[in-house]
Amino acid sequence: MISPGQLHPIHGRVIAVSERKGFQDIALLVKGETHTVQGLLGDPALAPGDLVVLDPTDSGAPPRVLRVGGPTRGAWDPEGDALRWQRSTVSPNRMKLLWKRQTILRTVREYFYDQGFLEAQTPLLARGACPDVHLSPIQAADGYLVTSTEYQIKRMIVGGFEKVFTLTQNFRGGDAGMHHNPEFTMLEWARAFSPLEAIENDAEALVKRALEALDPGAECIHYRGRTIRLSGVHWERLSVRGALSRYLRVDIDPEFSPTSIEKAASRDDLGIEVRFRNDPHAALTLLLDQLTPHLGFEAPVFLTDWPAFMTTSASLTPGSPALAERSELFIAGIELSDGFPSLRDPAQQEDLFARELARREEAGLPSVPLDTRYVQALHQGLPPGAGMALGFDRLAMLLTGQEHIRSILPFSWDEL
């Protein structure tokens, strides 16, 4: 309740009006907060949805209420944009969450600026697309909306930049759900001449820094009824094989052979359909779908030592050609980021692209043109280094305790 003595001109939207002893009690939404003020009865006649200005009086009497706009007759929609971001039945409402999102954005940028990175504003429309079979690039004009800025960042690394990051929109068709939106914000960065460990350290540092910006002194987040400690604990590195063994009691050999994957996927209690069991890529993907909800609740965990057939841009593990040097960060069962040392061999990259194009054809998916400029850049010589992509929207969800991506977006796909 705002008392007359505290009033200065207030702009708000009426959400309810009631009459009492010659006055009207007016429930207002003001910058996402609900307030109740008293106005003179019938001056003017107000209704839910009206936009008003409350003009204070010197005497401490009820303020003068001025109606300055509102919905056209019969058009008021309490589920529409007027209350979409301020709805008081949701706590915190989306207006507050979007301000928190901005704090995280600013903090992430400051982290990379402090580290001496260049923020690159790379194009959102590219001539070529990533051919990964699990991606659905969106065609636009004479090209494709970017699914990632990885190739542009690496081209800049070839050109002499040593530390580059992007924080921009990416697009992937068919992605809509609790953790997905077709248009989303991705943070990507790369360090030339640095190992994967340096990139993992970046991820850990910026997540902690963002939490500190939102809640100074906080060491934990609260998500899905669980408390996950981010500070004062070791962020574990756990291999894919080790995680499958620990959480699903599944044993796969070090080479990730098709036989061992099929045997693991054939366990009846895992519920994997027979038609997927003899496809190593599909079977392991379904096993990982069952694994990931277990990860990152005791503390954040980097999932490492991935099978080489599940990546198209990561370098292979020295001495273990069946494995790729890849690290995915999980917190509270959500995949937050994916990083790896750069694959520098252009011939090997071309072979992997050809493999994915063949998979797309086998799956009945449309072919996509390759980013030939990226391949040409690899032929010029990509320095050793590593990079990572982190889902910014998911980071905002985790740090604000939200379970649906819609809550931390100005607009989700189903609201357009």
Protein backbone atom coordinates (compact mmCIF):
# COMPACT_ATOMS: atom_id res chain seq x y z
CA MET A 1 0.00 0.00 0.00
CA ILE A 2 1.36 3.41 -0.97
CA SER A 3 0.42 6.05 1.56
CA PRO A 4 -0.43 9.59 0.42
CA GLY A 5 2.55 11.03 2.25
CA GLN A 6 4.91 8.94 0.18
CA LEU A 7 3.37 9.77 -3.17
CA HIS A 8 5.08 11.32 -6.12
CA PRO A 9 3.59 11.06 -9.63
CA ILE A 10 3.03 7.37 -10.30
CA HIS A 11 2.31 5.75 -13.64
CA GLY A 12 0.65 2.36 -13.56
CA ARG A 13 -1.94 0.00 -14.96
CA VAL A 14 -5.14 -0.75 -13.10
CA ILE A 15 -5.70 -4.42 -12.34
CA ALA A 16 -8.68 -4.09 -9.97
CA VAL A 17 -11.00 -1.41 -8.57
CA SER A 18 -13.30 -1.61 -5.54
CA GLU A 19 -15.49 0.97 -3.78
CA ARG A 20 -15.33 1.80 -0.06
CA LYS A 21 -16.81 4.75 1.89
CA GLY A 22 -16.85 7.23 -0.97
CA PHE A 23 -13.43 6.26 -2.24
CA GLN A 24 -12.14 3.71 -4.68
CA ASP A 25 -9.36 1.29 -3.82
CA ILE A 26 -7.22 0.98 -6.93
CA ALA A 27 -4.86 -1.97 -7.35
CA LEU A 28 -2.04 -0.89 -9.65
CA LEU A 29 0.86 -2.59 -11.33
CA VAL A 30 3.84 -0.26 -11.20
CA LYS A 31 7.11 -1.55 -12.70
CA GLY A 32 6.16 -5.10 -11.89
CA GLU A 33 5.08 -4.36 -8.31
CA THR A 34 1.47 -4.41 -7.08
CA HIS A 35 0.35 -1.38 -5.07
CA THR A 36 -3.00 -0.27 -3.70
CA VAL A 37 -3.92 3.42 -3.59
CA GLN A 38 -7.09 5.31 -2.70
CA GLY A 39 -8.77 7.67 -5.11
CA LEU A 40 -11.97 9.72 -5.11
CA LEU A 41 -14.97 7.67 -6.17
CA GLY A 42 -15.88 8.14 -9.82
CA ASP A 43 -13.08 10.59 -10.63
CA PRO A 44 -12.66 9.11 -13.16
CA ALA A 45 -14.51 5.79 -13.49
CA LEU A 46 -11.73 3.23 -13.78
CA ALA A 47 -11.64 -0.34 -15.04
CA PRO A 48 -9.01 -3.08 -15.20
CA GLY A 49 -6.49 -2.34 -17.91
CA ASP A 50 -6.66 1.44 -17.65
CA LEU A 51 -3.42 3.41 -17.68
CA VAL A 52 -3.36 6.08 -14.99
CA VAL A 53 -1.21 8.74 -13.41
CA LEU A 54 -1.63 9.40 -9.70
CA ASP A 55 -0.96 13.04 -8.93
CA PRO A 56 -0.03 13.69 -5.28
CA THR A 57 -1.67 16.35 -3.14
CA ASP A 58 0.01 18.56 -0.58
CA SER A 59 -2.68 17.96 2.04
CA GLY A 60 -2.16 14.22 2.33
CA ALA A 61 -5.64 13.59 0.90
CA PRO A 62 -6.18 10.80 -1.62
CA PRO A 63 -4.34 11.52 -4.86
CA ARG A 64 -5.99 12.81 -7.99
CA VAL A 65 -6.27 9.96 -10.51
CA LEU A 66 -5.84 10.81 -14.17
CA ARG A 67 -6.70 8.22 -16.80
CA VAL A 68 -4.21 8.55 -19.66
CA GLY A 69 -5.14 5.57 -21.79
CA GLY A 70 -6.11 1.96 -21.81
CA PRO A 71 -7.64 -0.79 -23.88
CA THR A 72 -10.25 -0.07 -26.51
CA ARG A 73 -13.77 -1.14 -25.64
CA GLY A 74 -14.01 -4.90 -25.21
CA ALA A 75 -10.33 -5.42 -26.01
CA TRP A 76 -8.94 -5.91 -22.48
CA ASP A 77 -7.01 -9.19 -22.31
CA PRO A 78 -5.47 -10.03 -18.92
CA GLU A 79 -3.42 -12.75 -20.68
CA GLY A 80 -2.05 -10.31 -23.29
CA ASP A 81 0.99 -8.06 -23.44
CA ALA A 82 -0.33 -5.52 -20.91
CA LEU A 83 0.32 -7.97 -18.07
CA ARG A 84 2.59 -10.51 -19.79
CA TRP A 85 5.75 -9.34 -18.06
CA GLN A 86 4.20 -7.97 -14.86
CA ARG A 87 1.71 -10.69 -13.94
CA SER A 88 1.55 -10.68 -10.16
CA THR A 89 0.51 -14.33 -9.87
CA VAL A 90 4.02 -15.34 -10.92
CA SER A 91 6.90 -14.64 -8.53
CA PRO A 92 9.27 -13.29 -9.54
CA ASN A 93 7.40 -11.91 -12.52
CA ARG A 94 9.07 -11.72 -15.91
CA MET A 95 9.79 -8.01 -15.65
CA LYS A 96 12.01 -8.66 -12.63
CA LEU A 97 13.58 -11.68 -14.34
CA LEU A 98 14.44 -9.66 -17.44
CA TRP A 99 16.24 -7.09 -15.29
CA LYS A 100 18.17 -9.97 -13.74
CA ARG A 101 18.93 -11.27 -17.21
CA GLN A 102 20.43 -7.90 -18.08
CA THR A 103 22.64 -8.07 -14.99
CA ILE A 104 23.94 -11.47 -16.12
CA LEU A 105 24.53 -10.16 -19.66
CA ARG A 106 26.52 -7.23 -18.38
CA THR A 107 28.54 -9.42 -16.01
CA VAL A 108 29.43 -11.94 -18.71
CA ARG A 109 30.61 -9.21 -21.04
CA GLU A 110 32.66 -7.60 -18.28
CA TYR A 111 34.35 -10.92 -17.55
CA PHE A 112 35.59 -11.29 -21.12
CA TYR A 113 36.53 -7.62 -21.42
CA ASP A 114 38.62 -8.00 -18.26
CA GLN A 115 40.29 -11.04 -19.83
CA GLY A 116 41.30 -9.05 -22.90
CA PHE A 117 38.83 -10.60 -25.37
CA LEU A 118 37.48 -8.95 -28.48
CA GLU A 119 33.69 -9.09 -28.76
CA ALA A 120 32.94 -9.83 -32.40
CA GLN A 121 29.59 -8.90 -33.93
CA THR A 122 29.50 -11.68 -36.47
CA PRO A 123 26.80 -12.02 -39.18
CA LEU A 124 23.58 -13.85 -38.34
CA LEU A 125 23.12 -14.87 -41.99
CA ALA A 126 25.75 -17.15 -43.51
CA ARG A 127 26.16 -18.82 -46.91
CA GLY A 128 26.96 -22.23 -45.43
CA ALA A 129 25.59 -24.23 -42.51
CA CYS A 130 26.77 -26.79 -40.01
CA PRO A 131 25.83 -30.24 -41.40
CA ASP A 132 25.50 -32.01 -38.02
CA VAL A 133 22.66 -34.48 -38.34
CA HIS A 134 21.03 -33.34 -35.10
CA LEU A 135 20.75 -29.71 -36.26
CA SER A 136 18.03 -28.17 -38.40
CA PRO A 137 19.45 -24.98 -39.96
CA ILE A 138 16.85 -22.37 -40.95
CA GLN A 139 17.12 -21.17 -44.54
CA ALA A 140 16.75 -17.44 -45.11
CA ALA A 141 17.23 -15.40 -48.28
CA ASP A 142 20.33 -16.77 -50.04
CA GLY A 143 21.79 -18.44 -46.96
CA TYR A 144 21.09 -19.82 -43.51
CA LEU A 145 20.61 -18.27 -40.10
CA VAL A 146 23.61 -19.24 -38.00
CA THR A 147 23.31 -22.20 -35.64
CA SER A 148 26.61 -21.16 -34.04
CA THR A 149 29.35 -18.56 -34.51
CA GLU A 150 32.11 -21.19 -34.12
CA TYR A 151 33.31 -21.03 -37.72
CA GLN A 152 33.45 -17.22 -37.79
CA ILE A 153 35.38 -17.12 -34.51
CA LYS A 154 37.89 -19.66 -35.80
CA ARG A 155 38.36 -17.70 -39.02
CA MET A 156 39.24 -14.67 -36.90
CA ILE A 157 41.69 -16.80 -34.89
CA VAL A 158 43.32 -17.80 -38.19
CA GLY A 159 43.58 -14.08 -38.95
CA GLY A 160 45.59 -13.30 -35.82
CA PHE A 161 43.05 -12.60 -33.07
CA GLU A 162 43.93 -14.69 -30.02
CA LYS A 163 40.89 -14.18 -27.78
CA VAL A 164 37.44 -13.70 -29.31
CA PHE A 165 33.91 -14.02 -27.97
CA THR A 166 30.39 -13.55 -29.30
CA LEU A 167 27.18 -13.09 -27.35
CA THR A 168 24.43 -13.11 -29.91
CA GLN A 169 21.36 -14.81 -31.35
CA ASN A 170 21.52 -18.29 -32.90
CA PHE A 171 18.74 -20.14 -34.71
CA ARG A 172 17.84 -23.83 -34.88
CA GLY A 173 14.65 -25.12 -36.45
CA GLY A 174 12.36 -27.40 -34.49
CA ASP A 175 13.78 -26.44 -31.11
CA ALA A 176 10.89 -25.43 -28.86
CA GLY A 177 10.26 -26.64 -25.33
CA MET A 178 11.16 -26.06 -21.70
CA HIS A 179 14.87 -25.58 -22.46
CA HIS A 180 14.71 -24.72 -26.17
CA ASN A 181 13.58 -21.83 -28.35
CA PRO A 182 14.18 -21.64 -32.13
CA GLU A 183 15.92 -18.29 -31.59
CA PHE A 184 18.19 -18.21 -28.57
CA THR A 185 21.20 -16.40 -27.14
CA MET A 186 24.53 -18.18 -27.27
CA LEU A 187 27.82 -17.20 -25.68
CA GLU A 188 30.82 -18.55 -27.60
CA TRP A 189 34.49 -17.89 -27.03
CA ALA A 190 37.90 -19.20 -28.04
CA ARG A 191 41.46 -18.82 -26.85
CA ALA A 192 44.32 -19.44 -29.24
CA PHE A 193 47.34 -21.26 -27.80
CA SER A 194 45.38 -22.32 -24.71
CA PRO A 195 44.28 -25.80 -23.58
CA LEU A 196 40.74 -26.99 -22.97
CA GLU A 197 41.32 -26.59 -19.22
CA ALA A 198 41.59 -22.80 -19.68
CA ILE A 199 38.19 -22.76 -21.39
CA GLU A 200 36.65 -24.86 -18.61
CA ASN A 201 38.10 -22.42 -16.08
CA ASP A 202 36.46 -19.55 -17.98
CA ALA A 203 33.08 -21.26 -17.76
CA GLU A 204 33.44 -21.85 -14.03
CA ALA A 205 34.63 -18.30 -13.35
CA LEU A 206 31.93 -16.52 -15.33
CA VAL A 207 29.10 -18.61 -13.82
CA LYS A 208 30.34 -17.79 -10.32
CA ARG A 209 30.79 -14.14 -11.20
CA ALA A 210 27.26 -13.91 -12.59
CA LEU A 211 25.84 -15.46 -9.41
CA GLU A 212 27.80 -12.96 -7.32
CA ALA A 213 26.38 -10.08 -9.39
CA LEU A 214 22.82 -11.29 -8.80
CA ASP A 215 23.22 -12.22 -5.16
CA PRO A 216 26.41 -10.92 -3.53
CA GLY A 217 27.96 -13.51 -1.23
CA ALA A 218 25.83 -16.38 -2.54
CA GLU A 219 27.56 -19.72 -3.07
CA CYS A 220 24.56 -21.84 -4.09
CA ILE A 221 21.62 -21.84 -6.46
CA HIS A 222 18.25 -23.45 -5.80
CA TYR A 223 16.77 -25.40 -8.65
CA ARG A 224 14.03 -28.00 -8.91
CA GLY A 225 13.84 -28.24 -5.15
CA ARG A 226 17.56 -28.90 -4.84
CA THR A 227 20.43 -26.77 -3.60
CA ILE A 228 23.49 -26.87 -5.86
CA ARG A 229 26.71 -25.40 -4.54
CA LEU A 230 28.74 -23.46 -7.10
CA SER A 231 31.48 -22.00 -4.90
CA GLY A 232 33.72 -23.76 -2.42
CA VAL A 233 33.41 -27.09 -4.26
CA HIS A 234 35.37 -28.89 -6.96
CA TRP A 235 33.74 -28.86 -10.38
CA GLU A 236 34.24 -32.51 -11.28
CA ARG A 237 35.61 -33.82 -14.59
CA LEU A 238 33.83 -37.10 -15.31
CA SER A 239 34.20 -39.22 -18.45
CA VAL A 240 31.17 -40.29 -20.47
CA ARG A 241 31.98 -43.92 -19.70
CA GLY A 242 32.42 -43.16 -16.01
CA ALA A 243 29.12 -41.30 -15.82
CA LEU A 244 27.21 -44.08 -17.60
CA SER A 245 28.69 -46.61 -15.19
CA ARG A 246 28.01 -44.50 -12.08
CA TYR A 247 24.43 -43.45 -12.78
CA LEU A 248 22.99 -46.04 -15.17
CA ARG A 249 25.22 -49.05 -14.28
CA VAL A 250 26.08 -49.31 -17.97
CA ASP A 251 29.53 -50.51 -19.07
CA ILE A 252 30.89 -49.54 -22.49
CA ASP A 253 34.38 -50.44 -23.66
CA PRO A 254 37.05 -47.71 -24.07
CA GLU A 255 36.68 -47.74 -27.87
CA PHE A 256 32.92 -47.21 -27.74
CA SER A 257 32.56 -50.19 -30.04
CA PRO A 258 29.15 -50.76 -31.68
CA THR A 259 28.93 -54.15 -29.95
CA SER A 260 29.36 -52.72 -26.44
CA ILE A 261 26.93 -49.86 -27.11
CA GLU A 262 24.31 -52.26 -28.48
CA LYS A 263 24.72 -54.52 -25.45
CA ALA A 264 24.31 -51.57 -23.07
CA ALA A 265 21.26 -50.27 -24.92
CA SER A 266 19.63 -53.72 -24.89
CA ARG A 267 19.04 -53.73 -21.16
CA ASP A 268 15.27 -53.95 -20.82
CA ASP A 269 14.91 -51.53 -17.90
CA LEU A 270 16.37 -48.70 -20.01
CA GLY A 271 13.44 -48.91 -22.42
CA ILE A 272 15.40 -48.25 -25.62
CA GLU A 273 13.50 -49.45 -28.66
CA VAL A 274 14.99 -52.41 -30.55
CA ARG A 275 15.21 -50.45 -33.81
CA PHE A 276 17.73 -48.02 -32.26
CA ARG A 277 19.96 -50.51 -30.47
CA ASN A 278 22.22 -51.44 -33.39
CA ASP A 279 22.81 -47.79 -34.39
CA PRO A 280 25.70 -46.65 -32.16
CA HIS A 281 24.96 -42.94 -32.62
CA ALA A 282 21.23 -43.26 -31.91
CA ALA A 283 21.67 -45.77 -29.08
CA LEU A 284 24.30 -43.70 -27.28
CA THR A 285 22.23 -40.54 -27.73
CA LEU A 286 19.29 -42.25 -26.02
CA LEU A 287 21.54 -43.49 -23.22
CA LEU A 288 22.83 -39.95 -22.71
CA ASP A 289 19.24 -38.64 -22.62
CA GLN A 290 18.70 -40.88 -19.60
CA LEU A 291 22.05 -39.96 -18.07
CA THR A 292 21.96 -36.17 -18.16
CA PRO A 293 19.11 -35.68 -15.63
CA HIS A 294 21.47 -37.15 -13.01
CA LEU A 295 24.36 -34.76 -13.65
CA GLY A 296 25.38 -31.65 -11.77
CA PHE A 297 23.27 -31.81 -8.62
CA GLU A 298 26.01 -32.46 -6.06
CA ALA A 299 28.13 -29.83 -7.86
CA PRO A 300 28.63 -28.76 -11.48
CA VAL A 301 30.32 -31.43 -13.61
CA PHE A 302 32.19 -31.40 -16.92
CA LEU A 303 31.44 -34.53 -18.95
CA THR A 304 34.61 -35.47 -20.86
CA ASP A 305 36.17 -38.09 -23.17
CA TRP A 306 33.44 -38.33 -25.77
CA PRO A 307 33.29 -40.87 -28.61
CA ALA A 308 34.75 -39.36 -31.76
CA PHE A 309 31.66 -40.24 -33.82
CA MET A 310 29.58 -37.73 -31.81
CA THR A 311 31.47 -34.60 -32.84
CA THR A 312 32.43 -32.86 -36.07
CA SER A 313 34.79 -30.12 -34.89
CA ALA A 314 36.68 -31.42 -31.83
CA SER A 315 40.23 -32.71 -32.03
CA LEU A 316 40.83 -36.38 -31.33
CA THR A 317 42.42 -37.52 -28.08
CA PRO A 318 46.15 -38.21 -28.64
CA GLY A 319 46.74 -41.96 -28.57
CA SER A 320 42.99 -42.71 -28.49
CA PRO A 321 41.50 -42.09 -31.95
CA ALA A 322 38.12 -43.43 -30.80
CA LEU A 323 37.80 -40.48 -28.42
CA ALA A 324 37.42 -36.75 -28.92
CA GLU A 325 38.67 -34.07 -26.53
CA ARG A 326 35.34 -32.60 -25.63
CA SER A 327 33.89 -31.20 -22.41
CA GLU A 328 30.22 -30.48 -21.68
CA LEU A 329 29.19 -28.64 -18.51
CA PHE A 330 26.09 -29.81 -16.64
CA ILE A 331 24.36 -28.09 -13.75
CA ALA A 332 21.13 -29.41 -12.21
CA GLY A 333 20.67 -31.91 -15.04
CA ILE A 334 20.87 -29.22 -17.73
CA GLU A 335 23.56 -29.14 -20.41
CA LEU A 336 24.96 -25.63 -20.13
CA SER A 337 28.00 -25.62 -22.42
CA ASP A 338 30.04 -27.63 -24.90
CA GLY A 339 33.74 -27.07 -25.51
CA PHE A 340 36.72 -28.68 -27.16
CA PRO A 341 40.20 -28.08 -28.56
CA SER A 342 39.98 -27.00 -32.18
CA LEU A 343 40.23 -29.55 -34.96
CA ARG A 344 43.00 -28.11 -37.14
CA ASP A 345 43.38 -30.68 -39.92
CA PRO A 346 41.35 -29.47 -42.95
CA ALA A 347 41.28 -32.91 -44.59
CA GLN A 348 39.90 -34.50 -41.43
CA GLN A 349 37.34 -31.71 -41.11
CA GLU A 350 36.20 -32.28 -44.68
CA ASP A 351 35.86 -36.02 -43.99
CA LEU A 352 33.72 -35.34 -40.92
CA PHE A 353 31.53 -32.94 -42.87
CA ALA A 354 31.07 -35.63 -45.56
CA ARG A 355 30.14 -38.14 -42.85
CA GLU A 356 27.43 -35.82 -41.50
CA LEU A 357 26.06 -35.10 -44.97
CA ALA A 358 25.80 -38.86 -45.55
CA ARG A 359 23.98 -39.24 -42.23
CA ARG A 360 21.56 -36.51 -43.21
CA GLU A 361 20.80 -38.28 -46.49
CA GLU A 362 20.34 -41.61 -44.70
CA ALA A 363 17.95 -39.98 -42.23
CA GLY A 364 15.97 -38.33 -44.99
CA LEU A 365 17.02 -34.83 -43.94
CA PRO A 366 17.72 -32.05 -46.43
CA SER A 367 21.32 -31.49 -47.40
CA VAL A 368 22.95 -28.17 -46.53
CA PRO A 369 25.78 -26.27 -48.22
CA LEU A 370 29.03 -26.33 -46.28
CA ASP A 371 30.84 -23.26 -45.02
CA THR A 372 33.63 -23.45 -47.60
CA ARG A 373 35.26 -20.23 -46.35
CA TYR A 374 35.80 -21.93 -43.00
CA VAL A 375 37.46 -24.92 -44.65
CA GLN A 376 39.63 -22.55 -46.71
CA ALA A 377 40.67 -20.82 -43.49
CA LEU A 378 41.73 -24.17 -41.99
CA HIS A 379 44.01 -24.67 -45.00
CA GLN A 380 45.68 -21.37 -44.07
CA GLY A 381 46.59 -22.78 -40.67
CA LEU A 382 44.47 -22.60 -37.50
CA PRO A 383 46.59 -22.07 -34.37
CA PRO A 384 46.18 -24.58 -31.54
CA GLY A 385 43.59 -23.55 -29.01
CA ALA A 386 40.17 -24.33 -27.62
CA GLY A 387 36.70 -22.86 -27.51
CA MET A 388 33.30 -23.31 -25.91
CA ALA A 389 29.64 -22.50 -26.56
CA LEU A 390 27.40 -21.76 -23.56
CA GLY A 391 23.62 -21.40 -23.68
CA PHE A 392 23.07 -17.98 -22.16
CA ASP A 393 19.31 -18.43 -21.76
CA ARG A 394 19.91 -21.63 -19.80
CA LEU A 395 22.45 -19.85 -17.60
CA ALA A 396 19.83 -17.20 -16.82
CA MET A 397 17.29 -19.94 -16.06
CA LEU A 398 19.64 -21.68 -13.63
CA LEU A 399 20.73 -18.54 -11.80
CA THR A 400 17.15 -17.28 -11.38
CA GLY A 401 15.58 -20.66 -10.58
CA GLN A 402 13.36 -20.82 -13.66
CA GLU A 403 12.38 -24.15 -15.23
CA HIS A 404 10.98 -22.83 -18.53
CA ILE A 405 13.00 -20.78 -21.00
CA ARG A 406 9.96 -18.55 -21.64
CA SER A 407 10.36 -17.03 -18.19
CA ILE A 408 13.66 -15.33 -19.02
CA LEU A 409 12.91 -14.28 -22.62
CA PRO A 410 11.16 -11.07 -23.67
CA PHE A 411 9.20 -13.22 -26.13
CA SER A 412 9.25 -16.97 -26.65
CA TRP A 413 8.34 -18.57 -29.97
CA ASP A 414 4.77 -19.35 -28.85
CA GLU A 415 4.23 -15.67 -27.98
CA LEU A 416 4.99 -14.36 -31.47
